[in-house]
Amino acid sequence: MAGDVTGQGFHLEESADGVNIDAVWSGEVDPAGCGREIRGWRSVVEGRTTVEPLSEHPFVLKKTSGWR
């Protein structure tokens, strides 16, 4: 995995073999979540070189209590 968080944006590349990209996670910090929640889409690409994803799935990442 390799990723960036810039301003309100979130971007993560997922790879099972460390070479080919299997999925891309793109999202934004949800203002309603007080900075504790990121919402977006996980696009499955499975090592393809085209920009068209095979499938897209919504995700929500939440900061759990106890983490700072």
PDB file of N, CA and C in Angstrom:
ATOM      1  N   MET A   1       0.841  -1.178   0.000  1.00  0.00           N
ATOM      2  CA  MET A   1       0.000   0.000   0.000  1.00  0.00           C
ATOM      3  C   MET A   1       0.885   1.240   0.000  1.00  0.00           C
ATOM      4  N   ALA A   2       0.412   2.213  -0.715  1.00  0.00           N
ATOM      5  CA  ALA A   2       1.054   3.522  -0.727  1.00  0.00           C
ATOM      6  C   ALA A   2      -0.060   4.542  -0.790  1.00  0.00           C
ATOM      7  N   GLY A   3       0.052   5.611  -0.009  1.00  0.00           N
ATOM      8  CA  GLY A   3      -1.043   6.569  -0.012  1.00  0.00           C
ATOM      9  C   GLY A   3      -0.631   7.963   0.385  1.00  0.00           C
ATOM     10  N   ASP A   4      -1.563   8.879   0.169  1.00  0.00           N
ATOM     11  CA  ASP A   4      -1.378  10.287   0.498  1.00  0.00           C
ATOM     12  C   ASP A   4      -2.662  10.840   1.111  1.00  0.00           C
ATOM     13  N   VAL A   5      -2.478  11.754   2.040  1.00  0.00           N
ATOM     14  CA  VAL A   5      -3.593  12.546   2.557  1.00  0.00           C
ATOM     15  C   VAL A   5      -3.169  13.991   2.396  1.00  0.00           C
ATOM     16  N   THR A   6      -3.936  14.747   1.602  1.00  0.00           N
ATOM     17  CA  THR A   6      -3.622  16.154   1.369  1.00  0.00           C
ATOM     18  C   THR A   6      -4.870  16.982   1.575  1.00  0.00           C
ATOM     19  N   GLY A   7      -4.804  17.927   2.490  1.00  0.00           N
ATOM     20  CA  GLY A   7      -5.983  18.751   2.761  1.00  0.00           C
ATOM     21  C   GLY A   7      -7.142  17.863   3.154  1.00  0.00           C
ATOM     22  N   GLN A   8      -8.170  17.858   2.350  1.00  0.00           N
ATOM     23  CA  GLN A   8      -9.341  17.016   2.603  1.00  0.00           C
ATOM     24  C   GLN A   8      -9.288  15.710   1.804  1.00  0.00           C
ATOM     25  N   GLY A   9      -8.294  15.533   0.924  1.00  0.00           N
ATOM     26  CA  GLY A   9      -8.253  14.381   0.034  1.00  0.00           C
ATOM     27  C   GLY A   9      -7.510  13.183   0.600  1.00  0.00           C
ATOM     28  N   PHE A  10      -7.918  11.996   0.168  1.00  0.00           N
ATOM     29  CA  PHE A  10      -7.325  10.729   0.583  1.00  0.00           C
ATOM     30  C   PHE A  10      -7.146   9.869  -0.661  1.00  0.00           C
ATOM     31  N   HIS A  11      -5.934   9.328  -0.864  1.00  0.00           N
ATOM     32  CA  HIS A  11      -5.671   8.493  -2.035  1.00  0.00           C
ATOM     33  C   HIS A  11      -4.742   7.354  -1.603  1.00  0.00           C
ATOM     34  N   LEU A  12      -5.120   6.114  -1.943  1.00  0.00           N
ATOM     35  CA  LEU A  12      -4.349   4.950  -1.551  1.00  0.00           C
ATOM     36  C   LEU A  12      -4.310   3.961  -2.709  1.00  0.00           C
ATOM     37  N   GLU A  13      -3.140   3.414  -2.994  1.00  0.00           N
ATOM     38  CA  GLU A  13      -3.009   2.371  -4.004  1.00  0.00           C
ATOM     39  C   GLU A  13      -2.763   1.047  -3.284  1.00  0.00           C
ATOM     40  N   GLU A  14      -3.516   0.039  -3.657  1.00  0.00           N
ATOM     41  CA  GLU A  14      -3.452  -1.283  -3.032  1.00  0.00           C
ATOM     42  C   GLU A  14      -2.808  -2.263  -4.012  1.00  0.00           C
ATOM     43  N   SER A  15      -1.845  -3.060  -3.514  1.00  0.00           N
ATOM     44  CA  SER A  15      -1.166  -4.034  -4.362  1.00  0.00           C
ATOM     45  C   SER A  15      -0.924  -5.315  -3.571  1.00  0.00           C
ATOM     46  N   ALA A  16      -1.273  -6.455  -4.146  1.00  0.00           N
ATOM     47  CA  ALA A  16      -1.046  -7.740  -3.488  1.00  0.00           C
ATOM     48  C   ALA A  16       0.391  -8.220  -3.688  1.00  0.00           C
ATOM     49  N   ASP A  17       1.024  -7.836  -4.804  1.00  0.00           N
ATOM     50  CA  ASP A  17       2.368  -8.326  -5.092  1.00  0.00           C
ATOM     51  C   ASP A  17       3.454  -7.253  -5.008  1.00  0.00           C
ATOM     52  N   GLY A  18       3.089  -6.037  -4.699  1.00  0.00           N
ATOM     53  CA  GLY A  18       4.054  -4.950  -4.602  1.00  0.00           C
ATOM     54  C   GLY A  18       4.489  -4.380  -5.938  1.00  0.00           C
ATOM     55  N   VAL A  19       3.919  -4.882  -7.028  1.00  0.00           N
ATOM     56  CA  VAL A  19       4.277  -4.420  -8.364  1.00  0.00           C
ATOM     57  C   VAL A  19       3.059  -3.858  -9.089  1.00  0.00           C
ATOM     58  N   ASN A  20       2.013  -4.660  -9.193  1.00  0.00           N
ATOM     59  CA  ASN A  20       0.792  -4.269  -9.901  1.00  0.00           C
ATOM     60  C   ASN A  20      -0.226  -3.662  -8.941  1.00  0.00           C
ATOM     61  N   ILE A  21      -0.927  -2.652  -9.420  1.00  0.00           N
ATOM     62  CA  ILE A  21      -1.973  -2.029  -8.612  1.00  0.00           C
ATOM     63  C   ILE A  21      -3.251  -2.847  -8.762  1.00  0.00           C
ATOM     64  N   ASP A  22      -3.802  -3.293  -7.640  1.00  0.00           N
ATOM     65  CA  ASP A  22      -5.030  -4.085  -7.639  1.00  0.00           C
ATOM     66  C   ASP A  22      -6.269  -3.230  -7.399  1.00  0.00           C
ATOM     67  N   ALA A  23      -6.109  -2.134  -6.667  1.00  0.00           N
ATOM     68  CA  ALA A  23      -7.246  -1.262  -6.385  1.00  0.00           C
ATOM     69  C   ALA A  23      -6.733   0.123  -6.003  1.00  0.00           C
ATOM     70  N   VAL A  24      -7.585   1.112  -6.221  1.00  0.00           N
ATOM     71  CA  VAL A  24      -7.287   2.493  -5.847  1.00  0.00           C
ATOM     72  C   VAL A  24      -8.407   2.977  -4.939  1.00  0.00           C
ATOM     73  N   TRP A  25      -8.031   3.518  -3.791  1.00  0.00           N
ATOM     74  CA  TRP A  25      -8.990   4.082  -2.839  1.00  0.00           C
ATOM     75  C   TRP A  25      -8.913   5.601  -2.949  1.00  0.00           C
ATOM     76  N   SER A  26     -10.033   6.252  -3.194  1.00  0.00           N
ATOM     77  CA  SER A  26     -10.081   7.712  -3.280  1.00  0.00           C
ATOM     78  C   SER A  26     -11.239   8.210  -2.435  1.00  0.00           C
ATOM     79  N   GLY A  27     -10.960   9.193  -1.591  1.00  0.00           N
ATOM     80  CA  GLY A  27     -12.014   9.700  -0.731  1.00  0.00           C
ATOM     81  C   GLY A  27     -11.700  11.081  -0.202  1.00  0.00           C
ATOM     82  N   GLU A  28     -12.575  11.542   0.661  1.00  0.00           N
ATOM     83  CA  GLU A  28     -12.428  12.852   1.291  1.00  0.00           C
ATOM     84  C   GLU A  28     -12.819  12.750   2.748  1.00  0.00           C
ATOM     85  N   VAL A  29     -12.208  13.614   3.550  1.00  0.00           N
ATOM     86  CA  VAL A  29     -12.599  13.704   4.954  1.00  0.00           C
ATOM     87  C   VAL A  29     -14.003  14.282   5.004  1.00  0.00           C
ATOM     88  N   ASP A  30     -14.887  13.597   5.714  1.00  0.00           N
ATOM     89  CA  ASP A  30     -16.282  14.032   5.822  1.00  0.00           C
ATOM     90  C   ASP A  30     -16.388  15.117   6.889  1.00  0.00           C
ATOM     91  N   PRO A  31     -16.747  16.359   6.516  1.00  0.00           N
ATOM     92  CA  PRO A  31     -16.856  17.446   7.491  1.00  0.00           C
ATOM     93  C   PRO A  31     -17.839  17.119   8.625  1.00  0.00           C
ATOM     94  N   ALA A  32     -18.876  16.360   8.325  1.00  0.00           N
ATOM     95  CA  ALA A  32     -19.851  16.000   9.355  1.00  0.00           C
ATOM     96  C   ALA A  32     -19.262  15.038  10.384  1.00  0.00           C
ATOM     97  N   GLY A  33     -18.155  14.375  10.047  1.00  0.00           N
ATOM     98  CA  GLY A  33     -17.520  13.418  10.953  1.00  0.00           C
ATOM     99  C   GLY A  33     -16.466  14.038  11.846  1.00  0.00           C
ATOM    100  N   CYS A  34     -16.365  15.359  11.861  1.00  0.00           N
ATOM    101  CA  CYS A  34     -15.419  16.091  12.715  1.00  0.00           C
ATOM    102  C   CYS A  34     -13.980  15.620  12.509  1.00  0.00           C
ATOM    103  N   GLY A  35     -13.608  15.316  11.263  1.00  0.00           N
ATOM    104  CA  GLY A  35     -12.247  14.891  10.963  1.00  0.00           C
ATOM    105  C   GLY A  35     -11.942  13.458  11.349  1.00  0.00           C
ATOM    106  N   ARG A  36     -12.940  12.700  11.758  1.00  0.00           N
ATOM    107  CA  ARG A  36     -12.734  11.326  12.211  1.00  0.00           C
ATOM    108  C   ARG A  36     -13.245  10.291  11.210  1.00  0.00           C
ATOM    109  N   GLU A  37     -13.642  10.754  10.022  1.00  0.00           N
ATOM    110  CA  GLU A  37     -14.253   9.840   9.064  1.00  0.00           C
ATOM    111  C   GLU A  37     -13.841  10.207   7.639  1.00  0.00           C
ATOM    112  N   ILE A  38     -13.469   9.196   6.850  1.00  0.00           N
ATOM    113  CA  ILE A  38     -13.145   9.378   5.437  1.00  0.00           C
ATOM    114  C   ILE A  38     -14.124   8.528   4.639  1.00  0.00           C
ATOM    115  N   ARG A  39     -14.758   9.140   3.636  1.00  0.00           N
ATOM    116  CA  ARG A  39     -15.709   8.431   2.772  1.00  0.00           C
ATOM    117  C   ARG A  39     -15.230   8.515   1.326  1.00  0.00           C
ATOM    118  N   GLY A  40     -15.428   7.419   0.588  1.00  0.00           N
ATOM    119  CA  GLY A  40     -15.025   7.436  -0.806  1.00  0.00           C
ATOM    120  C   GLY A  40     -15.340   6.145  -1.517  1.00  0.00           C
ATOM    121  N   TRP A  41     -14.550   5.883  -2.579  1.00  0.00           N
ATOM    122  CA  TRP A  41     -14.766   4.721  -3.438  1.00  0.00           C
ATOM    123  C   TRP A  41     -13.485   3.928  -3.587  1.00  0.00           C
ATOM    124  N   ARG A  42     -13.602   2.605  -3.533  1.00  0.00           N
ATOM    125  CA  ARG A  42     -12.494   1.693  -3.820  1.00  0.00           C
ATOM    126  C   ARG A  42     -12.740   1.145  -5.223  1.00  0.00           C
ATOM    127  N   SER A  43     -11.834   1.464  -6.148  1.00  0.00           N
ATOM    128  CA  SER A  43     -11.955   1.033  -7.539  1.00  0.00           C
ATOM    129  C   SER A  43     -10.992  -0.125  -7.783  1.00  0.00           C
ATOM    130  N   VAL A  44     -11.532  -1.291  -8.127  1.00  0.00           N
ATOM    131  CA  VAL A  44     -10.721  -2.474  -8.394  1.00  0.00           C
ATOM    132  C   VAL A  44     -10.217  -2.408  -9.827  1.00  0.00           C
ATOM    133  N   VAL A  45      -8.888  -2.475  -9.994  1.00  0.00           N
ATOM    134  CA  VAL A  45      -8.297  -2.406 -11.330  1.00  0.00           C
ATOM    135  C   VAL A  45      -7.480  -3.652 -11.671  1.00  0.00           C
ATOM    136  N   GLU A  46      -7.039  -4.400 -10.675  1.00  0.00           N
ATOM    137  CA  GLU A  46      -6.328  -5.674 -10.847  1.00  0.00           C
ATOM    138  C   GLU A  46      -5.203  -5.623 -11.862  1.00  0.00           C
ATOM    139  N   GLY A  47      -4.243  -4.705 -11.650  1.00  0.00           N
ATOM    140  CA  GLY A  47      -3.041  -4.647 -12.456  1.00  0.00           C
ATOM    141  C   GLY A  47      -3.218  -4.133 -13.869  1.00  0.00           C
ATOM    142  N   ARG A  48      -4.415  -3.710 -14.203  1.00  0.00           N
ATOM    143  CA  ARG A  48      -4.658  -3.228 -15.570  1.00  0.00           C
ATOM    144  C   ARG A  48      -4.011  -1.874 -15.785  1.00  0.00           C
ATOM    145  N   THR A  49      -3.694  -1.590 -17.023  1.00  0.00           N
ATOM    146  CA  THR A  49      -3.079  -0.306 -17.350  1.00  0.00           C
ATOM    147  C   THR A  49      -4.109   0.706 -17.834  1.00  0.00           C
ATOM    148  N   THR A  50      -5.362   0.288 -17.987  1.00  0.00           N
ATOM    149  CA  THR A  50      -6.400   1.228 -18.415  1.00  0.00           C
ATOM    150  C   THR A  50      -6.965   1.946 -17.202  1.00  0.00           C
ATOM    151  N   VAL A  51      -7.651   3.037 -17.436  1.00  0.00           N
ATOM    152  CA  VAL A  51      -8.227   3.806 -16.339  1.00  0.00           C
ATOM    153  C   VAL A  51      -9.619   3.320 -15.960  1.00  0.00           C
ATOM    154  N   GLU A  52     -10.202   2.432 -16.743  1.00  0.00           N
ATOM    155  CA  GLU A  52     -11.539   1.930 -16.447  1.00  0.00           C
ATOM    156  C   GLU A  52     -11.474   0.862 -15.351  1.00  0.00           C
ATOM    157  N   PRO A  53     -12.115   1.096 -14.211  1.00  0.00           N
ATOM    158  CA  PRO A  53     -12.101   0.090 -13.147  1.00  0.00           C
ATOM    159  C   PRO A  53     -12.992  -1.106 -13.485  1.00  0.00           C
ATOM    160  N   LEU A  54     -12.657  -2.269 -12.915  1.00  0.00           N
ATOM    161  CA  LEU A  54     -13.490  -3.459 -13.079  1.00  0.00           C
ATOM    162  C   LEU A  54     -14.754  -3.342 -12.240  1.00  0.00           C
ATOM    163  N   SER A  55     -14.615  -2.743 -11.059  1.00  0.00           N
ATOM    164  CA  SER A  55     -15.771  -2.516 -10.187  1.00  0.00           C
ATOM    165  C   SER A  55     -15.428  -1.413  -9.195  1.00  0.00           C
ATOM    166  N   GLU A  56     -16.460  -0.807  -8.626  1.00  0.00           N
ATOM    167  CA  GLU A  56     -16.284   0.245  -7.623  1.00  0.00           C
ATOM    168  C   GLU A  56     -17.152  -0.064  -6.416  1.00  0.00           C
ATOM    169  N   HIS A  57     -16.591   0.199  -5.233  1.00  0.00           N
ATOM    170  CA  HIS A  57     -17.289  -0.084  -3.987  1.00  0.00           C
ATOM    171  C   HIS A  57     -17.127   1.102  -3.041  1.00  0.00           C
ATOM    172  N   PRO A  58     -18.207   1.561  -2.418  1.00  0.00           N
ATOM    173  CA  PRO A  58     -18.084   2.650  -1.450  1.00  0.00           C
ATOM    174  C   PRO A  58     -17.381   2.155  -0.183  1.00  0.00           C
ATOM    175  N   PHE A  59     -16.678   3.067   0.508  1.00  0.00           N
ATOM    176  CA  PHE A  59     -16.071   2.721   1.796  1.00  0.00           C
ATOM    177  C   PHE A  59     -16.213   3.876   2.768  1.00  0.00           C
ATOM    178  N   VAL A  60     -16.126   3.548   4.048  1.00  0.00           N
ATOM    179  CA  VAL A  60     -16.084   4.529   5.129  1.00  0.00           C
ATOM    180  C   VAL A  60     -14.995   4.071   6.095  1.00  0.00           C
ATOM    181  N   LEU A  61     -13.997   4.918   6.324  1.00  0.00           N
ATOM    182  CA  LEU A  61     -12.973   4.656   7.319  1.00  0.00           C
ATOM    183  C   LEU A  61     -13.255   5.550   8.510  1.00  0.00           C
ATOM    184  N   LYS A  62     -13.327   4.942   9.697  1.00  0.00           N
ATOM    185  CA  LYS A  62     -13.622   5.712  10.900  1.00  0.00           C
ATOM    186  C   LYS A  62     -12.495   5.555  11.912  1.00  0.00           C
ATOM    187  N   LYS A  63     -12.107   6.655  12.502  1.00  0.00           N
ATOM    188  CA  LYS A  63     -11.113   6.639  13.562  1.00  0.00           C
ATOM    189  C   LYS A  63     -11.797   6.099  14.809  1.00  0.00           C
ATOM    190  N   THR A  64     -11.210   5.060  15.397  1.00  0.00           N
ATOM    191  CA  THR A  64     -11.819   4.470  16.592  1.00  0.00           C
ATOM    192  C   THR A  64     -11.439   5.262  17.838  1.00  0.00           C
ATOM    193  N   SER A  65     -12.258   5.164  18.855  1.00  0.00           N
ATOM    194  CA  SER A  65     -11.959   5.860  20.105  1.00  0.00           C
ATOM    195  C   SER A  65     -10.695   5.269  20.711  1.00  0.00           C
ATOM    196  N   GLY A  66      -9.936   6.086  21.352  1.00  0.00           N
ATOM    197  CA  GLY A  66      -8.672   5.645  21.948  1.00  0.00           C
ATOM    198  C   GLY A  66      -7.470   5.998  21.098  1.00  0.00           C
ATOM    199  N   TRP A  67      -7.647   6.163  19.767  1.00  0.00           N
ATOM    200  CA  TRP A  67      -6.542   6.569  18.890  1.00  0.00           C
ATOM    201  C   TRP A  67      -6.425   8.085  18.900  1.00  0.00           C
ATOM    202  N   ARG A  68      -5.247   8.574  18.826  1.00  0.00           N
ATOM    203  CA  ARG A  68      -5.037  10.025  18.831  1.00  0.00           C
ATOM    204  C   ARG A  68      -4.466  10.492  17.529  1.00  0.00           C
TER     205      ARG A  68
END
